[in-house]
């Protein structure tokens, strides 16, 4: 996947994860890109453990996987911060 594809997948999935988790702060575009890219790695890892395919390129499946990973990341960070 090209660098530009990672940015687009990251931006879309980061934004979706913020909407799904009802993030009231609404961070900027850069944060969404970073969140989505890290989410793609986490989501790809978790999906591969379950026997599926991870991020495969700039397509709907990759956005779903990256969004899943970003939601997991937000959930973990919120659980650590709430203590």
N, C-alpha and C. Protein backbone atom coordinates (compact mmCIF):
# COMPACT_ATOMS: atom_id res chain seq x y z
N UNK A 1 0.84 -1.16 0.00
CA UNK A 1 0.00 0.00 0.00
C UNK A 1 0.90 1.24 0.00
N UNK A 2 0.56 2.21 -0.80
CA UNK A 2 1.39 3.40 -0.92
C UNK A 2 1.20 4.33 0.28
N UNK A 3 2.12 5.25 0.41
CA UNK A 3 2.09 6.21 1.51
C UNK A 3 0.80 7.02 1.50
N UNK A 4 0.36 7.44 0.34
CA UNK A 4 -0.86 8.22 0.21
C UNK A 4 -2.09 7.40 0.61
N UNK A 5 -2.09 6.13 0.27
CA UNK A 5 -3.19 5.25 0.67
C UNK A 5 -3.27 5.12 2.18
N UNK A 6 -2.10 5.00 2.84
CA UNK A 6 -2.08 4.92 4.31
C UNK A 6 -2.69 6.18 4.91
N UNK A 7 -2.40 7.34 4.33
CA UNK A 7 -2.94 8.59 4.85
C UNK A 7 -4.46 8.63 4.68
N UNK A 8 -4.96 8.23 3.51
CA UNK A 8 -6.40 8.24 3.29
C UNK A 8 -7.13 7.24 4.19
N UNK A 9 -6.61 6.03 4.27
CA UNK A 9 -7.22 5.01 5.14
C UNK A 9 -7.16 5.49 6.59
N UNK A 10 -6.04 6.05 7.00
CA UNK A 10 -5.90 6.55 8.36
C UNK A 10 -6.88 7.66 8.68
N UNK A 11 -7.02 8.60 7.78
CA UNK A 11 -7.93 9.73 8.00
C UNK A 11 -9.37 9.26 8.11
N UNK A 12 -9.79 8.41 7.21
CA UNK A 12 -11.17 7.93 7.21
C UNK A 12 -11.45 7.07 8.44
N UNK A 13 -10.58 6.11 8.72
CA UNK A 13 -10.82 5.21 9.84
C UNK A 13 -10.66 5.92 11.19
N UNK A 14 -9.73 6.86 11.30
CA UNK A 14 -9.59 7.64 12.53
C UNK A 14 -10.83 8.47 12.81
N UNK A 15 -11.36 9.09 11.78
CA UNK A 15 -12.57 9.88 11.93
C UNK A 15 -13.75 8.99 12.32
N UNK A 16 -13.89 7.85 11.64
CA UNK A 16 -14.97 6.91 11.97
C UNK A 16 -14.87 6.40 13.40
N UNK A 17 -13.66 6.10 13.85
CA UNK A 17 -13.47 5.62 15.22
C UNK A 17 -13.87 6.70 16.22
N UNK A 18 -13.55 7.95 15.94
CA UNK A 18 -13.97 9.04 16.82
C UNK A 18 -15.49 9.19 16.86
N UNK A 19 -16.14 8.99 15.73
CA UNK A 19 -17.60 9.07 15.68
C UNK A 19 -18.21 7.89 16.44
N UNK A 20 -17.68 6.68 16.22
CA UNK A 20 -18.22 5.49 16.87
C UNK A 20 -18.07 5.56 18.38
N UNK A 21 -16.92 6.04 18.85
CA UNK A 21 -16.67 6.10 20.29
C UNK A 21 -17.22 7.38 20.92
N UNK A 22 -17.87 8.22 20.14
CA UNK A 22 -18.50 9.45 20.62
C UNK A 22 -17.49 10.35 21.31
N UNK A 23 -16.38 10.59 20.63
CA UNK A 23 -15.34 11.46 21.17
C UNK A 23 -15.79 12.91 21.05
N UNK A 24 -16.04 13.54 22.16
CA UNK A 24 -16.57 14.90 22.16
C UNK A 24 -15.51 15.96 21.87
N UNK A 25 -14.24 15.62 22.03
CA UNK A 25 -13.16 16.59 21.81
C UNK A 25 -12.96 16.88 20.33
N UNK A 26 -13.27 15.94 19.45
CA UNK A 26 -13.10 16.08 18.00
C UNK A 26 -11.70 16.57 17.62
N UNK A 27 -10.71 15.71 17.78
CA UNK A 27 -9.34 16.12 17.45
C UNK A 27 -9.20 16.41 15.95
N UNK A 28 -8.08 16.99 15.59
CA UNK A 28 -7.86 17.41 14.22
C UNK A 28 -7.55 16.28 13.26
N UNK A 29 -7.34 16.67 12.03
CA UNK A 29 -7.09 15.71 10.94
C UNK A 29 -5.80 14.92 11.17
N UNK A 30 -4.75 15.57 11.63
CA UNK A 30 -3.49 14.87 11.86
C UNK A 30 -3.67 13.76 12.88
N UNK A 31 -4.39 14.05 13.97
CA UNK A 31 -4.64 13.05 15.00
C UNK A 31 -5.44 11.88 14.41
N UNK A 32 -6.44 12.17 13.58
CA UNK A 32 -7.23 11.10 12.96
C UNK A 32 -6.37 10.22 12.06
N UNK A 33 -5.45 10.82 11.32
CA UNK A 33 -4.57 10.04 10.45
C UNK A 33 -3.69 9.11 11.27
N UNK A 34 -3.07 9.66 12.32
CA UNK A 34 -2.20 8.85 13.18
C UNK A 34 -3.01 7.74 13.86
N UNK A 35 -4.18 8.09 14.39
CA UNK A 35 -5.05 7.11 15.04
C UNK A 35 -5.44 6.00 14.07
N UNK A 36 -5.79 6.37 12.85
CA UNK A 36 -6.19 5.38 11.85
C UNK A 36 -5.05 4.48 11.41
N UNK A 37 -3.85 5.03 11.27
CA UNK A 37 -2.70 4.21 10.86
C UNK A 37 -2.31 3.24 11.96
N UNK A 38 -2.26 3.72 13.20
CA UNK A 38 -1.98 2.81 14.32
C UNK A 38 -3.11 1.79 14.44
N UNK A 39 -4.34 2.24 14.25
CA UNK A 39 -5.48 1.33 14.27
C UNK A 39 -5.40 0.26 13.19
N UNK A 40 -4.85 0.61 12.03
CA UNK A 40 -4.70 -0.37 10.96
C UNK A 40 -3.74 -1.49 11.37
N UNK A 41 -2.66 -1.11 12.05
CA UNK A 41 -1.72 -2.13 12.53
C UNK A 41 -2.36 -3.01 13.59
N UNK A 42 -3.05 -2.39 14.54
CA UNK A 42 -3.69 -3.15 15.62
C UNK A 42 -4.81 -4.02 15.05
N UNK A 43 -5.66 -3.44 14.22
CA UNK A 43 -6.76 -4.19 13.62
C UNK A 43 -6.26 -5.32 12.74
N UNK A 44 -5.24 -5.06 11.94
CA UNK A 44 -4.67 -6.11 11.09
C UNK A 44 -4.11 -7.25 11.91
N UNK A 45 -3.44 -6.92 12.99
CA UNK A 45 -2.88 -7.94 13.88
C UNK A 45 -4.00 -8.79 14.49
N UNK A 46 -5.03 -8.12 15.02
CA UNK A 46 -6.13 -8.86 15.66
C UNK A 46 -6.93 -9.70 14.67
N UNK A 47 -7.17 -9.17 13.49
CA UNK A 47 -7.92 -9.92 12.47
C UNK A 47 -7.11 -11.13 12.01
N UNK A 48 -5.80 -10.99 11.86
CA UNK A 48 -4.96 -12.13 11.46
C UNK A 48 -4.95 -13.20 12.53
N UNK A 49 -4.97 -12.81 13.81
CA UNK A 49 -5.04 -13.79 14.90
C UNK A 49 -6.33 -14.60 14.79
N UNK A 50 -7.42 -13.94 14.38
CA UNK A 50 -8.71 -14.62 14.26
C UNK A 50 -8.84 -15.40 12.94
N UNK A 51 -7.80 -15.37 12.12
CA UNK A 51 -7.80 -16.15 10.89
C UNK A 51 -8.23 -15.40 9.65
N UNK A 52 -8.43 -14.10 9.74
CA UNK A 52 -8.84 -13.31 8.58
C UNK A 52 -7.66 -12.64 7.91
N UNK A 53 -7.99 -11.76 6.97
CA UNK A 53 -6.96 -10.99 6.28
C UNK A 53 -6.93 -9.59 6.85
N UNK A 54 -5.77 -9.05 7.04
CA UNK A 54 -5.61 -7.71 7.59
C UNK A 54 -5.86 -6.65 6.55
N UNK A 55 -5.15 -5.57 6.65
CA UNK A 55 -5.27 -4.46 5.70
C UNK A 55 -4.69 -4.90 4.36
N UNK A 56 -5.49 -4.76 3.31
CA UNK A 56 -5.09 -5.28 2.00
C UNK A 56 -4.87 -4.20 0.96
N UNK A 57 -5.12 -2.97 1.28
CA UNK A 57 -4.95 -1.88 0.32
C UNK A 57 -5.98 -0.81 0.58
N UNK A 58 -6.20 0.06 -0.37
CA UNK A 58 -7.19 1.12 -0.20
C UNK A 58 -8.53 0.60 -0.67
N UNK A 59 -9.25 -0.04 0.27
CA UNK A 59 -10.56 -0.60 -0.04
C UNK A 59 -11.42 -0.59 1.23
N UNK A 60 -12.67 -0.98 1.09
CA UNK A 60 -13.60 -0.94 2.22
C UNK A 60 -13.16 -1.86 3.36
N UNK A 61 -12.66 -3.05 3.03
CA UNK A 61 -12.22 -3.98 4.07
C UNK A 61 -11.10 -3.37 4.92
N UNK A 62 -10.16 -2.75 4.29
CA UNK A 62 -9.04 -2.13 5.02
C UNK A 62 -9.53 -1.02 5.94
N UNK A 63 -10.50 -0.24 5.49
CA UNK A 63 -11.06 0.82 6.32
C UNK A 63 -11.79 0.23 7.51
N UNK A 64 -12.51 -0.87 7.31
CA UNK A 64 -13.21 -1.55 8.41
C UNK A 64 -12.20 -2.08 9.43
N UNK A 65 -11.16 -2.74 8.95
CA UNK A 65 -10.13 -3.29 9.84
C UNK A 65 -9.44 -2.18 10.61
N UNK A 66 -9.06 -1.11 9.93
CA UNK A 66 -8.37 0.01 10.58
C UNK A 66 -9.29 0.70 11.59
N UNK A 67 -10.56 0.84 11.27
CA UNK A 67 -11.52 1.44 12.20
C UNK A 67 -11.68 0.57 13.43
N UNK A 68 -11.77 -0.73 13.24
CA UNK A 68 -11.85 -1.67 14.36
C UNK A 68 -10.64 -1.52 15.27
N UNK A 69 -9.46 -1.48 14.69
CA UNK A 69 -8.24 -1.31 15.48
C UNK A 69 -8.19 0.02 16.20
N UNK A 70 -8.65 1.09 15.54
CA UNK A 70 -8.65 2.41 16.16
C UNK A 70 -9.64 2.47 17.32
N UNK A 71 -10.79 1.82 17.17
CA UNK A 71 -11.77 1.76 18.27
C UNK A 71 -11.18 0.99 19.45
N UNK A 72 -10.49 -0.11 19.18
CA UNK A 72 -9.83 -0.87 20.25
C UNK A 72 -8.79 0.01 20.94
N UNK A 73 -8.01 0.74 20.17
CA UNK A 73 -6.98 1.62 20.73
C UNK A 73 -7.61 2.70 21.62
N UNK A 74 -8.68 3.33 21.17
CA UNK A 74 -9.36 4.35 21.96
C UNK A 74 -9.89 3.73 23.25
N UNK A 75 -10.47 2.55 23.15
CA UNK A 75 -11.02 1.87 24.32
C UNK A 75 -9.92 1.57 25.35
N UNK A 76 -8.77 1.08 24.88
CA UNK A 76 -7.66 0.77 25.78
C UNK A 76 -7.13 2.05 26.45
N UNK A 77 -6.95 3.10 25.67
CA UNK A 77 -6.44 4.36 26.22
C UNK A 77 -7.41 4.92 27.25
N UNK A 78 -8.72 4.89 26.95
CA UNK A 78 -9.70 5.39 27.92
C UNK A 78 -9.73 4.55 29.19
N UNK A 79 -9.55 3.23 29.07
CA UNK A 79 -9.54 2.39 30.28
C UNK A 79 -8.32 2.68 31.14
N UNK A 80 -7.18 2.95 30.52
CA UNK A 80 -5.98 3.27 31.29
C UNK A 80 -6.12 4.64 31.95
N UNK A 81 -6.67 5.61 31.22
CA UNK A 81 -6.79 6.96 31.75
C UNK A 81 -7.85 7.09 32.84
N UNK A 82 -8.83 6.22 32.86
CA UNK A 82 -9.90 6.35 33.85
C UNK A 82 -9.47 5.90 35.25
N UNK A 83 -8.32 5.25 35.37
CA UNK A 83 -7.85 4.80 36.69
C UNK A 83 -7.23 5.88 37.48
